Amino acid sequence: MKFLMNILALAAIGAAGYMVEPHLRKQLTGLSPASGNSGTLSNGVFIPSDPIVAEKLAGLDLNRLTTEQLPTQITLKTDAEATDPGTGLKMILQAGNRVKPLRIEQGEVVFSPGTSSFEGRVPLGETDLPEQLAANPPVAAALETAPEPMISAAPAAPELDPFAPAPAPEPETAPTPAPAAAEVPAEFVPATPEEIVKTMQESIQSGQIQEFKFDQVTEWKAGEIETVDGEKFNTGLLSYQGETFLGIKSIQAKAFIRGGKVVRWIMPKSGMEIK
């Protein structure tokens, strides 16, 4: 009989504990029996199951929140494990413990139990962090929008004085005429060797050609009278020291002279004009 009474007493205590436990849990931890994983995770994004919380967190990228944007403490809704990375020691934190959130990574909260080096992680929905953020959303975490470019107003046109004299018209300038093409002097006069050499020297000294300079010339020589396209020319030859791909070489140049001026310089072997 006594044994039966003990069994009945234990059953009564168990039933009372079952009935009272929800209220004790609420008083001790602040969590209701229904507390637990209150959301889902999709591609690293936490979606609260409470539509009100979900609406208030819409537009916030939780994974980008900094430690300063997070609450100072959050409450665990489930048991969680924390590890000391230096020693490898582990501790178990029971549901209801308050911890410091450090950051959010792919829908999980990385937390610290306190000032120690222990760190743990737990799904967002197993803490009250979503509810705290919904109640007090961080302003800096709102979606960033690119600032609109500032458009400066165009300067107002100056007011015209109706009594002011009209500005004088700008003087018209005649268009610059295009340089006339070099013309062959009509008059041909046979020149002496001295005149031919002098004409070649004056041409080079005046900068008529850029291929070589006066001080590069090593030999001056008068040539024969030649006819080109029905026109007669005095000719002259010179040799100068020019740089080639084989090094410094002696190069010849030929001048066609008419009317006391060099009309054209060419390479005597190739006939290529010298500029």
C-alpha atoms as a PDB file:
ATOM      1  CA  MET A   1       0.000   0.000   0.000  1.00  0.00           C
ATOM      2  CA  LYS A   2       2.823   2.370   0.906  1.00  0.00           C
ATOM      3  CA  PHE A   3       4.589   1.593  -2.357  1.00  0.00           C
ATOM      4  CA  LEU A   4       1.436   2.392  -4.288  1.00  0.00           C
ATOM      5  CA  MET A   5       1.103   5.709  -2.470  1.00  0.00           C
ATOM      6  CA  ASN A   6       4.699   6.644  -3.433  1.00  0.00           C
ATOM      7  CA  ILE A   7       3.994   5.941  -7.093  1.00  0.00           C
ATOM      8  CA  LEU A   8       0.843   8.067  -6.971  1.00  0.00           C
ATOM      9  CA  ALA A   9       2.797  10.887  -5.283  1.00  0.00           C
ATOM     10  CA  LEU A  10       5.476  10.850  -7.995  1.00  0.00           C
ATOM     11  CA  ALA A  11       2.799  10.884 -10.693  1.00  0.00           C
ATOM     12  CA  ALA A  12       1.136  13.884  -9.033  1.00  0.00           C
ATOM     13  CA  ILE A  13       4.468  15.751  -8.816  1.00  0.00           C
ATOM     14  CA  GLY A  14       5.146  15.035 -12.501  1.00  0.00           C
ATOM     15  CA  ALA A  15       1.726  16.242 -13.554  1.00  0.00           C
ATOM     16  CA  ALA A  16       2.143  19.414 -11.500  1.00  0.00           C
ATOM     17  CA  GLY A  17       5.561  20.020 -13.030  1.00  0.00           C
ATOM     18  CA  TYR A  18       4.137  19.536 -16.519  1.00  0.00           C
ATOM     19  CA  MET A  19       1.434  22.072 -15.835  1.00  0.00           C
ATOM     20  CA  VAL A  20       3.606  24.636 -14.015  1.00  0.00           C
ATOM     21  CA  GLU A  21       6.772  24.353 -16.157  1.00  0.00           C
ATOM     22  CA  PRO A  22       5.588  26.672 -18.981  1.00  0.00           C
ATOM     23  CA  HIS A  23       4.938  29.441 -16.489  1.00  0.00           C
ATOM     24  CA  LEU A  24       8.287  28.899 -14.734  1.00  0.00           C
ATOM     25  CA  ARG A  25      10.113  28.943 -18.057  1.00  0.00           C
ATOM     26  CA  LYS A  26       8.442  32.244 -18.973  1.00  0.00           C
ATOM     27  CA  GLN A  27       9.424  33.760 -15.610  1.00  0.00           C
ATOM     28  CA  LEU A  28      12.999  32.456 -15.619  1.00  0.00           C
ATOM     29  CA  THR A  29      13.974  32.885 -19.283  1.00  0.00           C
ATOM     30  CA  GLY A  30      11.400  35.177 -20.806  1.00  0.00           C
ATOM     31  CA  LEU A  31      10.674  32.508 -23.443  1.00  0.00           C
ATOM     32  CA  SER A  32       7.381  30.849 -24.039  1.00  0.00           C
ATOM     33  CA  PRO A  33       7.086  27.107 -24.654  1.00  0.00           C
ATOM     34  CA  ALA A  34       6.507  27.853 -28.319  1.00  0.00           C
ATOM     35  CA  SER A  35       9.858  29.658 -28.573  1.00  0.00           C
ATOM     36  CA  GLY A  36      12.393  28.032 -30.840  1.00  0.00           C
ATOM     37  CA  ASN A  37      13.354  28.229 -34.480  1.00  0.00           C
ATOM     38  CA  SER A  38      11.085  31.052 -35.667  1.00  0.00           C
ATOM     39  CA  GLY A  39      12.092  31.341 -39.292  1.00  0.00           C
ATOM     40  CA  THR A  40      13.607  29.691 -42.330  1.00  0.00           C
ATOM     41  CA  LEU A  41      16.896  30.071 -44.172  1.00  0.00           C
ATOM     42  CA  SER A  42      16.936  30.446 -47.974  1.00  0.00           C
ATOM     43  CA  ASN A  43      20.261  30.861 -49.794  1.00  0.00           C
ATOM     44  CA  GLY A  44      21.863  32.323 -46.688  1.00  0.00           C
ATOM     45  CA  VAL A  45      18.983  34.778 -46.129  1.00  0.00           C
ATOM     46  CA  PHE A  46      16.923  34.443 -42.944  1.00  0.00           C
ATOM     47  CA  ILE A  47      13.147  34.786 -43.405  1.00  0.00           C
ATOM     48  CA  PRO A  48      11.225  35.246 -40.121  1.00  0.00           C
ATOM     49  CA  SER A  49       8.080  33.166 -39.751  1.00  0.00           C
ATOM     50  CA  ASP A  50       6.308  36.044 -38.000  1.00  0.00           C
ATOM     51  CA  PRO A  51       4.863  38.199 -40.818  1.00  0.00           C
ATOM     52  CA  ILE A  52       5.105  41.376 -38.713  1.00  0.00           C
ATOM     53  CA  VAL A  53       8.788  40.783 -37.990  1.00  0.00           C
ATOM     54  CA  ALA A  54       9.394  39.841 -41.621  1.00  0.00           C
ATOM     55  CA  GLU A  55       7.748  43.073 -42.807  1.00  0.00           C
ATOM     56  CA  LYS A  56       9.846  45.222 -40.463  1.00  0.00           C
ATOM     57  CA  LEU A  57      13.072  43.518 -41.513  1.00  0.00           C
ATOM     58  CA  ALA A  58      12.301  43.795 -45.227  1.00  0.00           C
ATOM     59  CA  GLY A  59      14.989  45.842 -46.946  1.00  0.00           C
ATOM     60  CA  LEU A  60      17.663  45.005 -44.381  1.00  0.00           C
ATOM     61  CA  ASP A  61      20.653  42.878 -45.331  1.00  0.00           C
ATOM     62  CA  LEU A  62      21.209  41.097 -42.035  1.00  0.00           C
ATOM     63  CA  ASN A  63      24.443  39.491 -43.232  1.00  0.00           C
ATOM     64  CA  ARG A  64      26.010  42.947 -43.660  1.00  0.00           C
ATOM     65  CA  LEU A  65      25.221  44.311 -40.194  1.00  0.00           C
ATOM     66  CA  THR A  66      28.273  45.304 -38.161  1.00  0.00           C
ATOM     67  CA  THR A  67      28.791  44.644 -34.452  1.00  0.00           C
ATOM     68  CA  GLU A  68      27.921  48.278 -33.717  1.00  0.00           C
ATOM     69  CA  GLN A  69      24.568  47.876 -35.481  1.00  0.00           C
ATOM     70  CA  LEU A  70      23.597  44.815 -33.438  1.00  0.00           C
ATOM     71  CA  PRO A  71      22.039  44.840 -29.940  1.00  0.00           C
ATOM     72  CA  THR A  72      24.428  44.594 -27.011  1.00  0.00           C
ATOM     73  CA  GLN A  73      22.872  41.291 -25.911  1.00  0.00           C
ATOM     74  CA  ILE A  74      20.538  38.657 -27.307  1.00  0.00           C
ATOM     75  CA  THR A  75      18.754  35.728 -25.689  1.00  0.00           C
ATOM     76  CA  LEU A  76      19.292  32.139 -26.789  1.00  0.00           C
ATOM     77  CA  LYS A  77      16.109  30.165 -27.450  1.00  0.00           C
ATOM     78  CA  THR A  78      17.980  26.871 -27.573  1.00  0.00           C
ATOM     79  CA  ASP A  79      21.109  25.322 -26.089  1.00  0.00           C
ATOM     80  CA  ALA A  80      24.248  26.429 -27.919  1.00  0.00           C
ATOM     81  CA  GLU A  81      27.927  25.486 -27.883  1.00  0.00           C
ATOM     82  CA  ALA A  82      30.851  27.931 -27.688  1.00  0.00           C
ATOM     83  CA  THR A  83      34.506  27.091 -28.297  1.00  0.00           C
ATOM     84  CA  ASP A  84      37.787  28.726 -27.274  1.00  0.00           C
ATOM     85  CA  PRO A  85      39.833  28.733 -30.529  1.00  0.00           C
ATOM     86  CA  GLY A  86      43.083  28.963 -28.581  1.00  0.00           C
ATOM     87  CA  THR A  87      42.616  25.959 -26.318  1.00  0.00           C
ATOM     88  CA  GLY A  88      39.805  24.072 -28.040  1.00  0.00           C
ATOM     89  CA  LEU A  89      37.773  24.024 -24.811  1.00  0.00           C
ATOM     90  CA  LYS A  90      34.010  23.942 -25.251  1.00  0.00           C
ATOM     91  CA  MET A  91      31.110  25.125 -23.111  1.00  0.00           C
ATOM     92  CA  ILE A  92      27.391  24.549 -23.388  1.00  0.00           C
ATOM     93  CA  LEU A  93      25.088  27.538 -22.938  1.00  0.00           C
ATOM     94  CA  GLN A  94      21.519  26.664 -22.077  1.00  0.00           C
ATOM     95  CA  ALA A  95      18.462  28.338 -23.567  1.00  0.00           C
ATOM     96  CA  GLY A  96      17.678  31.603 -21.831  1.00  0.00           C
ATOM     97  CA  ASN A  97      21.296  32.713 -21.528  1.00  0.00           C
ATOM     98  CA  ARG A  98      22.087  36.184 -22.785  1.00  0.00           C
ATOM     99  CA  VAL A  99      25.138  36.506 -25.025  1.00  0.00           C
ATOM    100  CA  LYS A 100      26.835  39.230 -27.061  1.00  0.00           C
ATOM    101  CA  PRO A 101      26.218  39.063 -30.844  1.00  0.00           C
ATOM    102  CA  LEU A 102      29.364  39.654 -32.913  1.00  0.00           C
ATOM    103  CA  ARG A 103      28.147  39.315 -36.493  1.00  0.00           C
ATOM    104  CA  ILE A 104      25.683  37.523 -38.745  1.00  0.00           C
ATOM    105  CA  GLU A 105      26.946  35.007 -41.303  1.00  0.00           C
ATOM    106  CA  GLN A 106      24.619  33.278 -43.758  1.00  0.00           C
ATOM    107  CA  GLY A 107      21.647  33.350 -41.396  1.00  0.00           C
ATOM    108  CA  GLU A 108      23.610  32.387 -38.271  1.00  0.00           C
ATOM    109  CA  VAL A 109      24.591  34.583 -35.323  1.00  0.00           C
ATOM    110  CA  VAL A 110      28.228  34.407 -34.206  1.00  0.00           C
ATOM    111  CA  PHE A 111      28.200  35.261 -30.500  1.00  0.00           C
ATOM    112  CA  SER A 112      30.463  35.551 -27.482  1.00  0.00           C
ATOM    113  CA  PRO A 113      29.391  34.427 -23.992  1.00  0.00           C
ATOM    114  CA  GLY A 114      31.073  37.476 -22.496  1.00  0.00           C
ATOM    115  CA  THR A 115      34.546  38.970 -22.370  1.00  0.00           C
ATOM    116  CA  SER A 116      36.267  35.598 -22.899  1.00  0.00           C
ATOM    117  CA  SER A 117      37.651  34.381 -26.208  1.00  0.00           C
ATOM    118  CA  PHE A 118      34.911  31.757 -26.544  1.00  0.00           C
ATOM    119  CA  GLU A 119      32.791  32.032 -29.670  1.00  0.00           C
ATOM    120  CA  GLY A 120      29.748  30.131 -30.843  1.00  0.00           C
ATOM    121  CA  ARG A 121      27.161  30.280 -33.556  1.00  0.00           C
ATOM    122  CA  VAL A 122      23.457  29.535 -33.672  1.00  0.00           C
ATOM    123  CA  PRO A 123      20.718  30.030 -36.303  1.00  0.00           C
ATOM    124  CA  LEU A 124      19.077  33.468 -36.223  1.00  0.00           C
ATOM    125  CA  GLY A 125      15.648  31.986 -35.533  1.00  0.00           C
ATOM    126  CA  GLU A 126      16.941  30.357 -32.348  1.00  0.00           C
ATOM    127  CA  THR A 127      17.614  33.764 -30.772  1.00  0.00           C
ATOM    128  CA  ASP A 128      15.499  36.848 -30.140  1.00  0.00           C
ATOM    129  CA  LEU A 129      17.737  38.918 -32.441  1.00  0.00           C
ATOM    130  CA  PRO A 130      15.114  39.178 -35.250  1.00  0.00           C
ATOM    131  CA  GLU A 131      12.533  40.485 -32.791  1.00  0.00           C
ATOM    132  CA  GLN A 132      14.992  43.016 -31.353  1.00  0.00           C
ATOM    133  CA  LEU A 133      15.958  44.258 -34.824  1.00  0.00           C
ATOM    134  CA  ALA A 134      12.302  44.514 -35.812  1.00  0.00           C
ATOM    135  CA  ALA A 135      11.562  46.566 -32.680  1.00  0.00           C
ATOM    136  CA  ASN A 136      14.619  48.801 -33.123  1.00  0.00           C
ATOM    137  CA  PRO A 137      15.970  48.543 -36.692  1.00  0.00           C
ATOM    138  CA  PRO A 138      19.420  50.059 -37.241  1.00  0.00           C
ATOM    139  CA  VAL A 139      19.097  53.103 -39.481  1.00  0.00           C
ATOM    140  CA  ALA A 140      22.512  52.630 -41.109  1.00  0.00           C
ATOM    141  CA  ALA A 141      21.543  49.128 -42.219  1.00  0.00           C
ATOM    142  CA  ALA A 142      18.850  50.344 -44.605  1.00  0.00           C
ATOM    143  CA  LEU A 143      19.410  49.605 -48.242  1.00  0.00           C
ATOM    144  CA  GLU A 144      21.890  52.076 -49.619  1.00  0.00           C
ATOM    145  CA  THR A 145      20.735  54.188 -52.506  1.00  0.00           C
ATOM    146  CA  ALA A 146      23.097  55.995 -54.784  1.00  0.00           C
ATOM    147  CA  PRO A 147      22.986  59.742 -54.175  1.00  0.00           C
ATOM    148  CA  GLU A 148      21.315  61.666 -56.922  1.00  0.00           C
ATOM    149  CA  PRO A 149      23.794  63.749 -58.876  1.00  0.00           C
ATOM    150  CA  MET A 150      23.601  67.420 -58.138  1.00  0.00           C
ATOM    151  CA  ILE A 151      22.590  69.392 -61.173  1.00  0.00           C
ATOM    152  CA  SER A 152      23.888  72.902 -61.057  1.00  0.00           C
ATOM    153  CA  ALA A 153      21.534  75.499 -62.407  1.00  0.00           C
ATOM    154  CA  ALA A 154      22.613  77.146 -65.596  1.00  0.00           C
ATOM    155  CA  PRO A 155      23.840  80.704 -65.042  1.00  0.00           C
ATOM    156  CA  ALA A 156      21.146  83.251 -65.715  1.00  0.00           C
ATOM    157  CA  ALA A 157      21.589  85.254 -68.850  1.00  0.00           C
ATOM    158  CA  PRO A 158      22.688  88.826 -68.104  1.00  0.00           C
ATOM    159  CA  GLU A 159      19.954  91.396 -68.407  1.00  0.00           C
ATOM    160  CA  LEU A 160      20.332  93.568 -71.481  1.00  0.00           C
ATOM    161  CA  ASP A 161      20.225  97.317 -71.075  1.00  0.00           C
ATOM    162  CA  PRO A 162      17.866  98.580 -73.830  1.00  0.00           C
ATOM    163  CA  PHE A 163      19.682 101.953 -73.797  1.00  0.00           C
ATOM    164  CA  ALA A 164      23.199 100.508 -74.040  1.00  0.00           C
ATOM    165  CA  PRO A 165      24.921 100.919 -77.428  1.00  0.00           C
ATOM    166  CA  ALA A 166      25.033  97.842 -79.585  1.00  0.00           C
ATOM    167  CA  PRO A 167      28.414  96.075 -79.566  1.00  0.00           C
ATOM    168  CA  ALA A 168      30.596  96.820 -82.535  1.00  0.00           C
ATOM    169  CA  PRO A 169      30.635  93.965 -85.054  1.00  0.00           C
ATOM    170  CA  GLU A 170      33.792  91.926 -85.141  1.00  0.00           C
ATOM    171  CA  PRO A 171      35.991  92.766 -88.112  1.00  0.00           C
ATOM    172  CA  GLU A 172      35.819  90.237 -90.854  1.00  0.00           C
ATOM    173  CA  THR A 173      39.085  88.516 -91.530  1.00  0.00           C
ATOM    174  CA  ALA A 174      39.879  87.232 -94.936  1.00  0.00           C
ATOM    175  CA  PRO A 175      40.488  83.474 -95.029  1.00  0.00           C
ATOM    176  CA  THR A 176      44.110  82.480 -95.110  1.00  0.00           C
ATOM    177  CA  PRO A 177      44.927  81.437 -98.647  1.00  0.00           C
ATOM    178  CA  ALA A 178      46.228  77.943 -99.160  1.00  0.00           C
ATOM    179  CA  PRO A 179      49.924  77.807-100.005  1.00  0.00           C
ATOM    180  CA  ALA A 180      50.407  77.720-103.707  1.00  0.00           C
ATOM    181  CA  ALA A 181      52.056  74.662-105.174  1.00  0.00           C
ATOM    182  CA  ALA A 182      55.685  75.073-106.127  1.00  0.00           C
ATOM    183  CA  GLU A 183      55.949  76.205-109.689  1.00  0.00           C
ATOM    184  CA  VAL A 184      58.827  75.576-112.031  1.00  0.00           C
ATOM    185  CA  PRO A 185      60.356  78.913-113.094  1.00  0.00           C
ATOM    186  CA  ALA A 186      59.510  79.491-116.740  1.00  0.00           C
ATOM    187  CA  GLU A 187      62.900  80.897-117.707  1.00  0.00           C
ATOM    188  CA  PHE A 188      65.821  78.542-118.111  1.00  0.00           C
ATOM    189  CA  VAL A 189      69.354  79.991-118.060  1.00  0.00           C
ATOM    190  CA  PRO A 190      72.380  77.711-118.107  1.00  0.00           C
ATOM    191  CA  ALA A 191      74.341  78.176-114.884  1.00  0.00           C
ATOM    192  CA  THR A 192      78.038  77.964-114.162  1.00  0.00           C
ATOM    193  CA  PRO A 193      79.387  75.275-111.806  1.00  0.00           C
ATOM    194  CA  GLU A 194      79.964  77.952-109.144  1.00  0.00           C
ATOM    195  CA  GLU A 195      76.366  79.176-109.438  1.00  0.00           C
ATOM    196  CA  ILE A 196      75.037  75.611-109.201  1.00  0.00           C
ATOM    197  CA  VAL A 197      77.035  74.906-106.025  1.00  0.00           C
ATOM    198  CA  LYS A 198      76.011  78.244-104.497  1.00  0.00           C
ATOM    199  CA  THR A 199      72.324  77.568-105.296  1.00  0.00           C
ATOM    200  CA  MET A 200      72.522  74.128-103.623  1.00  0.00           C
ATOM    201  CA  GLN A 201      74.169  75.610-100.520  1.00  0.00           C
ATOM    202  CA  GLU A 202      71.538  78.339-100.216  1.00  0.00           C
ATOM    203  CA  SER A 203      68.780  75.722-100.527  1.00  0.00           C
ATOM    204  CA  ILE A 204      70.174  73.627 -97.682  1.00  0.00           C
ATOM    205  CA  GLN A 205      70.930  76.613 -95.453  1.00  0.00           C
ATOM    206  CA  SER A 206      67.365  77.921 -95.892  1.00  0.00           C
ATOM    207  CA  GLY A 207      65.948  74.632 -94.609  1.00  0.00           C
ATOM    208  CA  GLN A 208      64.304  73.633 -97.876  1.00  0.00           C
ATOM    209  CA  ILE A 209      64.886  69.982 -96.970  1.00  0.00           C
ATOM    210  CA  GLN A 210      65.119  68.202 -93.604  1.00  0.00           C
ATOM    211  CA  GLU A 211      66.867  65.006 -94.665  1.00  0.00           C
ATOM    212  CA  PHE A 212      70.362  66.348 -93.894  1.00  0.00           C
ATOM    213  CA  LYS A 213      72.124  69.484 -92.701  1.00  0.00           C
ATOM    214  CA  PHE A 214      74.739  71.723 -94.276  1.00  0.00           C
ATOM    215  CA  ASP A 215      77.538  70.487 -92.029  1.00  0.00           C
ATOM    216  CA  GLN A 216      76.917  66.868 -93.120  1.00  0.00           C
ATOM    217  CA  VAL A 217      77.877  67.610 -96.740  1.00  0.00           C
ATOM    218  CA  THR A 218      81.338  66.395 -97.712  1.00  0.00           C
ATOM    219  CA  GLU A 219      81.370  67.088-101.469  1.00  0.00           C
ATOM    220  CA  TRP A 220      79.718  69.587-103.875  1.00  0.00           C
ATOM    221  CA  LYS A 221      79.647  69.094-107.640  1.00  0.00           C
ATOM    222  CA  ALA A 222      77.865  70.662-110.635  1.00  0.00           C
ATOM    223  CA  GLY A 223      76.001  68.290-112.953  1.00  0.00           C
ATOM    224  CA  GLU A 224      74.815  68.318-116.552  1.00  0.00           C
ATOM    225  CA  ILE A 225      71.759  70.029-118.023  1.00  0.00           C
ATOM    226  CA  GLU A 226      68.858  67.573-118.061  1.00  0.00           C
ATOM    227  CA  THR A 227      65.403  67.643-119.647  1.00  0.00           C
ATOM    228  CA  VAL A 228      62.421  66.386-117.624  1.00  0.00           C
ATOM    229  CA  ASP A 229      58.888  66.445-119.100  1.00  0.00           C
ATOM    230  CA  GLY A 230      60.078  68.833-121.800  1.00  0.00           C
ATOM    231  CA  GLU A 231      61.663  71.269-119.306  1.00  0.00           C
ATOM    232  CA  LYS A 232      65.406  71.892-119.000  1.00  0.00           C
ATOM    233  CA  PHE A 233      67.149  72.000-115.631  1.00  0.00           C
ATOM    234  CA  ASN A 234      70.636  72.636-114.351  1.00  0.00           C
ATOM    235  CA  THR A 235      71.620  69.832-111.961  1.00  0.00           C
ATOM    236  CA  GLY A 236      74.022  69.515-109.079  1.00  0.00           C
ATOM    237  CA  LEU A 237      75.310  66.601-107.013  1.00  0.00           C
ATOM    238  CA  LEU A 238      76.531  66.424-103.444  1.00  0.00           C
ATOM    239  CA  SER A 239      77.605  63.756-100.978  1.00  0.00           C
ATOM    240  CA  TYR A 240      76.743  63.811 -97.269  1.00  0.00           C
ATOM    241  CA  GLN A 241      77.299  61.565 -94.267  1.00  0.00           C
ATOM    242  CA  GLY A 242      73.969  59.953 -93.346  1.00  0.00           C
ATOM    243  CA  GLU A 243      72.941  57.299 -90.833  1.00  0.00           C
ATOM    244  CA  THR A 244      71.644  54.043 -92.297  1.00  0.00           C
ATOM    245  CA  PHE A 245      70.782  50.644 -90.832  1.00  0.00           C
ATOM    246  CA  LEU A 246      74.357  49.654 -91.695  1.00  0.00           C
ATOM    247  CA  GLY A 247      75.818  52.651 -89.858  1.00  0.00           C
ATOM    248  CA  ILE A 248      77.116  56.008 -91.093  1.00  0.00           C
ATOM    249  CA  LYS A 249      77.461  55.966 -94.887  1.00  0.00           C
ATOM    250  CA  SER A 250      78.184  58.452 -97.679  1.00  0.00           C
ATOM    251  CA  ILE A 251      74.915  59.247 -99.471  1.00  0.00           C
ATOM    252  CA  GLN A 252      74.391  61.228-102.677  1.00  0.00           C
ATOM    253  CA  ALA A 253      71.693  63.814-103.378  1.00  0.00           C
ATOM    254  CA  LYS A 254      70.810  65.479-106.679  1.00  0.00           C
ATOM    255  CA  ALA A 255      69.342  68.961-107.183  1.00  0.00           C
ATOM    256  CA  PHE A 256      67.254  70.152-110.164  1.00  0.00           C
ATOM    257  CA  ILE A 257      67.819  73.890-110.601  1.00  0.00           C
ATOM    258  CA  ARG A 258      65.922  76.397-112.728  1.00  0.00           C
ATOM    259  CA  GLY A 259      65.763  80.192-112.491  1.00  0.00           C
ATOM    260  CA  GLY A 260      68.461  80.262-109.809  1.00  0.00           C
ATOM    261  CA  LYS A 261      66.480  78.030-107.373  1.00  0.00           C
ATOM    262  CA  VAL A 262      66.420  74.345-106.488  1.00  0.00           C
ATOM    263  CA  VAL A 263      63.102  72.987-107.707  1.00  0.00           C
ATOM    264  CA  ARG A 264      63.520  69.428-106.420  1.00  0.00           C
ATOM    265  CA  TRP A 265      65.977  67.247-104.505  1.00  0.00           C
ATOM    266  CA  ILE A 266      66.089  63.509-105.289  1.00  0.00           C
ATOM    267  CA  MET A 267      68.125  60.399-104.596  1.00  0.00           C
ATOM    268  CA  PRO A 268      70.017  59.899-107.876  1.00  0.00           C
ATOM    269  CA  LYS A 269      69.892  56.075-107.770  1.00  0.00           C
ATOM    270  CA  SER A 270      66.245  55.535-106.789  1.00  0.00           C
ATOM    271  CA  GLY A 271      64.739  58.796-108.036  1.00  0.00           C
ATOM    272  CA  MET A 272      62.951  59.186-104.656  1.00  0.00           C
ATOM    273  CA  GLU A 273      62.266  62.788-103.758  1.00  0.00           C
ATOM    274  CA  ILE A 274      64.017  64.203-100.683  1.00  0.00           C
ATOM    275  CA  LYS A 275      61.840  66.248 -98.362  1.00  0.00           C
END
